[in-house]
């Protein structure tokens, strides 16, 4: 699984002009699932992200995690993270997991984050979404579960 994490002061996702998920201070996490990813990847990423210390403490150092600041997480499925742009001009999505597998792992990730006590909002799997965010910093990280 591949994720893009953005530290935000606020974020929301809309479908057909209606807000379906929104958060205040916390993380926007874009999630891409590839063939070969499994439940262990979803669980590992949830634990890794919830514990990731990317929020500043009183000394201005990235030393605090989501739970430390009472933060929230907005999880958005992002099929295009599985895109390979290394050849030609059109991305290849050959490595993307089939939708049923991807949705299962996306939902498992969300359930695990909630289980760790973090409030979670979501987009709608396979919907055309508009994501609005205020990136705080900006602070952005990419994590791939296969590199653990």
Protein backbone atom coordinates (compact mmCIF):
# COMPACT_ATOMS: atom_id res chain seq x y z
CA UNK A 1 0.00 0.00 0.00
CA UNK A 2 1.11 3.53 -0.71
CA UNK A 3 -0.03 6.54 1.26
CA UNK A 4 0.50 10.25 1.01
CA UNK A 5 0.14 11.97 4.38
CA UNK A 6 -0.47 15.68 4.61
CA UNK A 7 -0.51 17.54 7.91
CA UNK A 8 -3.55 19.81 7.75
CA UNK A 9 -5.30 22.48 9.75
CA UNK A 10 -8.51 21.38 8.04
CA UNK A 11 -9.62 19.14 5.18
CA UNK A 12 -12.82 17.96 3.56
CA UNK A 13 -13.93 15.77 0.70
CA UNK A 14 -16.96 16.42 -1.49
CA UNK A 15 -18.96 14.18 -3.79
CA UNK A 16 -21.45 15.81 -6.17
CA UNK A 17 -21.07 19.11 -4.34
CA UNK A 18 -21.91 17.67 -0.91
CA UNK A 19 -19.36 17.29 1.89
CA UNK A 20 -19.09 13.60 2.80
CA UNK A 21 -16.18 13.86 5.23
CA UNK A 22 -14.36 16.68 7.00
CA UNK A 23 -11.82 17.18 9.77
CA UNK A 24 -10.10 19.94 11.67
CA UNK A 25 -6.46 19.70 12.68
CA UNK A 26 -4.85 16.39 11.79
CA UNK A 27 -3.89 14.36 8.74
CA UNK A 28 -5.27 13.89 5.27
CA UNK A 29 -4.22 10.41 4.15
CA UNK A 30 -4.51 9.41 0.49
CA UNK A 31 -4.45 5.61 0.23
CA UNK A 32 -3.50 3.50 -2.80
CA UNK A 33 -3.75 -0.30 -2.78
CA UNK A 34 -1.69 -2.49 -5.11
CA UNK A 35 -1.80 -6.14 -6.09
CA UNK A 36 -0.09 -8.23 -3.43
CA UNK A 37 -1.01 -5.90 -0.57
CA UNK A 38 -2.67 -7.62 2.36
CA UNK A 39 -4.30 -7.11 5.70
CA UNK A 40 -0.92 -6.87 7.44
CA UNK A 41 -0.11 -3.84 5.28
CA UNK A 42 -3.34 -2.06 6.29
CA UNK A 43 -2.82 -2.78 9.99
CA UNK A 44 0.86 -1.77 9.90
CA UNK A 45 0.09 1.50 8.10
CA UNK A 46 -2.68 2.40 10.55
CA UNK A 47 -0.35 1.91 13.51
CA UNK A 48 2.55 3.69 11.79
CA UNK A 49 0.48 6.72 10.79
CA UNK A 50 -1.30 7.14 14.12
CA UNK A 51 2.07 7.06 15.90
CA UNK A 52 3.87 9.28 13.39
CA UNK A 53 5.24 12.32 15.22
CA UNK A 54 4.76 15.10 12.66
CA UNK A 55 3.14 17.77 14.85
CA UNK A 56 5.20 20.40 16.59
CA UNK A 57 5.68 20.51 20.35
CA UNK A 58 6.14 23.68 22.41
CA UNK A 59 9.75 23.90 21.19
CA UNK A 60 8.74 23.78 17.51
CA UNK A 61 10.05 20.22 16.99
CA UNK A 62 8.07 17.51 15.23
CA UNK A 63 7.57 15.48 18.36
CA UNK A 64 3.81 14.91 18.70
CA UNK A 65 1.47 12.32 17.15
CA UNK A 66 -2.23 12.56 16.28
CA UNK A 67 -3.38 11.37 19.70
CA UNK A 68 -1.07 13.84 21.45
CA UNK A 69 -2.80 16.80 19.77
CA UNK A 70 -6.33 15.36 19.76
CA UNK A 71 -6.13 15.30 15.97
CA UNK A 72 -8.36 13.73 13.36
CA UNK A 73 -7.70 11.77 10.16
CA UNK A 74 -9.41 12.05 6.78
CA UNK A 75 -8.88 8.86 4.75
CA UNK A 76 -9.40 9.09 0.98
CA UNK A 77 -8.96 6.18 -1.40
CA UNK A 78 -6.58 7.18 -4.19
CA UNK A 79 -6.43 4.68 -7.06
CA UNK A 80 -3.91 6.79 -8.98
CA UNK A 81 -1.19 6.19 -6.36
CA UNK A 82 -0.78 2.80 -8.04
CA UNK A 83 -0.03 4.54 -11.34
CA UNK A 84 3.32 3.94 -13.01
CA UNK A 85 4.51 6.89 -15.08
CA UNK A 86 7.97 5.57 -15.93
CA UNK A 87 7.17 4.65 -19.54
CA UNK A 88 5.32 6.64 -22.15
CA UNK A 89 3.00 9.50 -21.40
CA UNK A 90 -0.03 7.66 -20.03
CA UNK A 91 0.12 6.14 -16.55
CA UNK A 92 -0.22 2.38 -16.30
CA UNK A 93 -2.42 1.00 -13.55
CA UNK A 94 -1.44 -2.65 -13.99
CA UNK A 95 -0.27 -2.87 -10.37
CA UNK A 96 -3.52 -1.57 -8.87
CA UNK A 97 -5.49 -4.04 -6.77
CA UNK A 98 -8.96 -5.02 -8.00
CA UNK A 99 -11.66 -2.75 -6.51
CA UNK A 100 -13.09 -5.35 -4.09
CA UNK A 101 -9.65 -6.09 -2.62
CA UNK A 102 -8.71 -2.41 -2.49
CA UNK A 103 -11.94 -1.45 -0.74
CA UNK A 104 -11.48 -4.24 1.83
CA UNK A 105 -7.97 -3.01 2.72
CA UNK A 106 -9.06 0.64 2.72
CA UNK A 107 -11.92 -0.18 5.12
CA UNK A 108 -9.57 -2.27 7.28
CA UNK A 109 -7.15 0.65 7.50
CA UNK A 110 -9.98 2.98 8.57
CA UNK A 111 -11.26 0.49 11.18
CA UNK A 112 -7.77 0.10 12.65
CA UNK A 113 -7.23 3.86 12.92
CA UNK A 114 -10.59 4.17 14.68
CA UNK A 115 -9.62 1.26 16.94
CA UNK A 116 -6.55 3.24 17.99
CA UNK A 117 -8.83 6.01 19.25
CA UNK A 118 -8.45 8.52 16.41
CA UNK A 119 -11.57 10.14 14.94
CA UNK A 120 -11.76 9.30 11.22
CA UNK A 121 -13.71 10.82 8.34
CA UNK A 122 -13.68 9.28 4.87
CA UNK A 123 -14.42 9.87 1.26
CA UNK A 124 -16.51 7.43 -0.79
CA UNK A 125 -14.66 4.53 -2.39
CA UNK A 126 -14.57 4.77 -6.23
CA UNK A 127 -16.47 8.08 -6.27
CA UNK A 128 -15.32 11.17 -8.15
CA UNK A 129 -14.22 13.35 -5.24
CA UNK A 130 -12.99 16.87 -4.72
CA UNK A 131 -10.54 17.13 -1.85
CA UNK A 132 -10.04 20.49 -0.14
CA UNK A 133 -7.26 20.99 2.36
CA UNK A 134 -5.10 23.50 4.11
CA UNK A 135 -1.67 21.86 4.27
CA UNK A 136 0.01 22.94 7.48
CA UNK A 137 3.68 23.69 6.90
CA UNK A 138 3.45 22.39 4.22
CA UNK A 139 4.22 18.96 5.67
CA UNK A 140 3.81 15.95 3.38
CA UNK A 141 5.15 12.39 3.63
CA UNK A 142 4.94 9.28 1.46
CA UNK A 143 4.99 5.82 3.03
CA UNK A 144 4.95 2.47 1.26
CA UNK A 145 4.12 -0.58 3.38
CA UNK A 146 6.37 -2.79 1.29
CA UNK A 147 9.37 -0.77 2.48
CA UNK A 148 8.72 -1.56 6.17
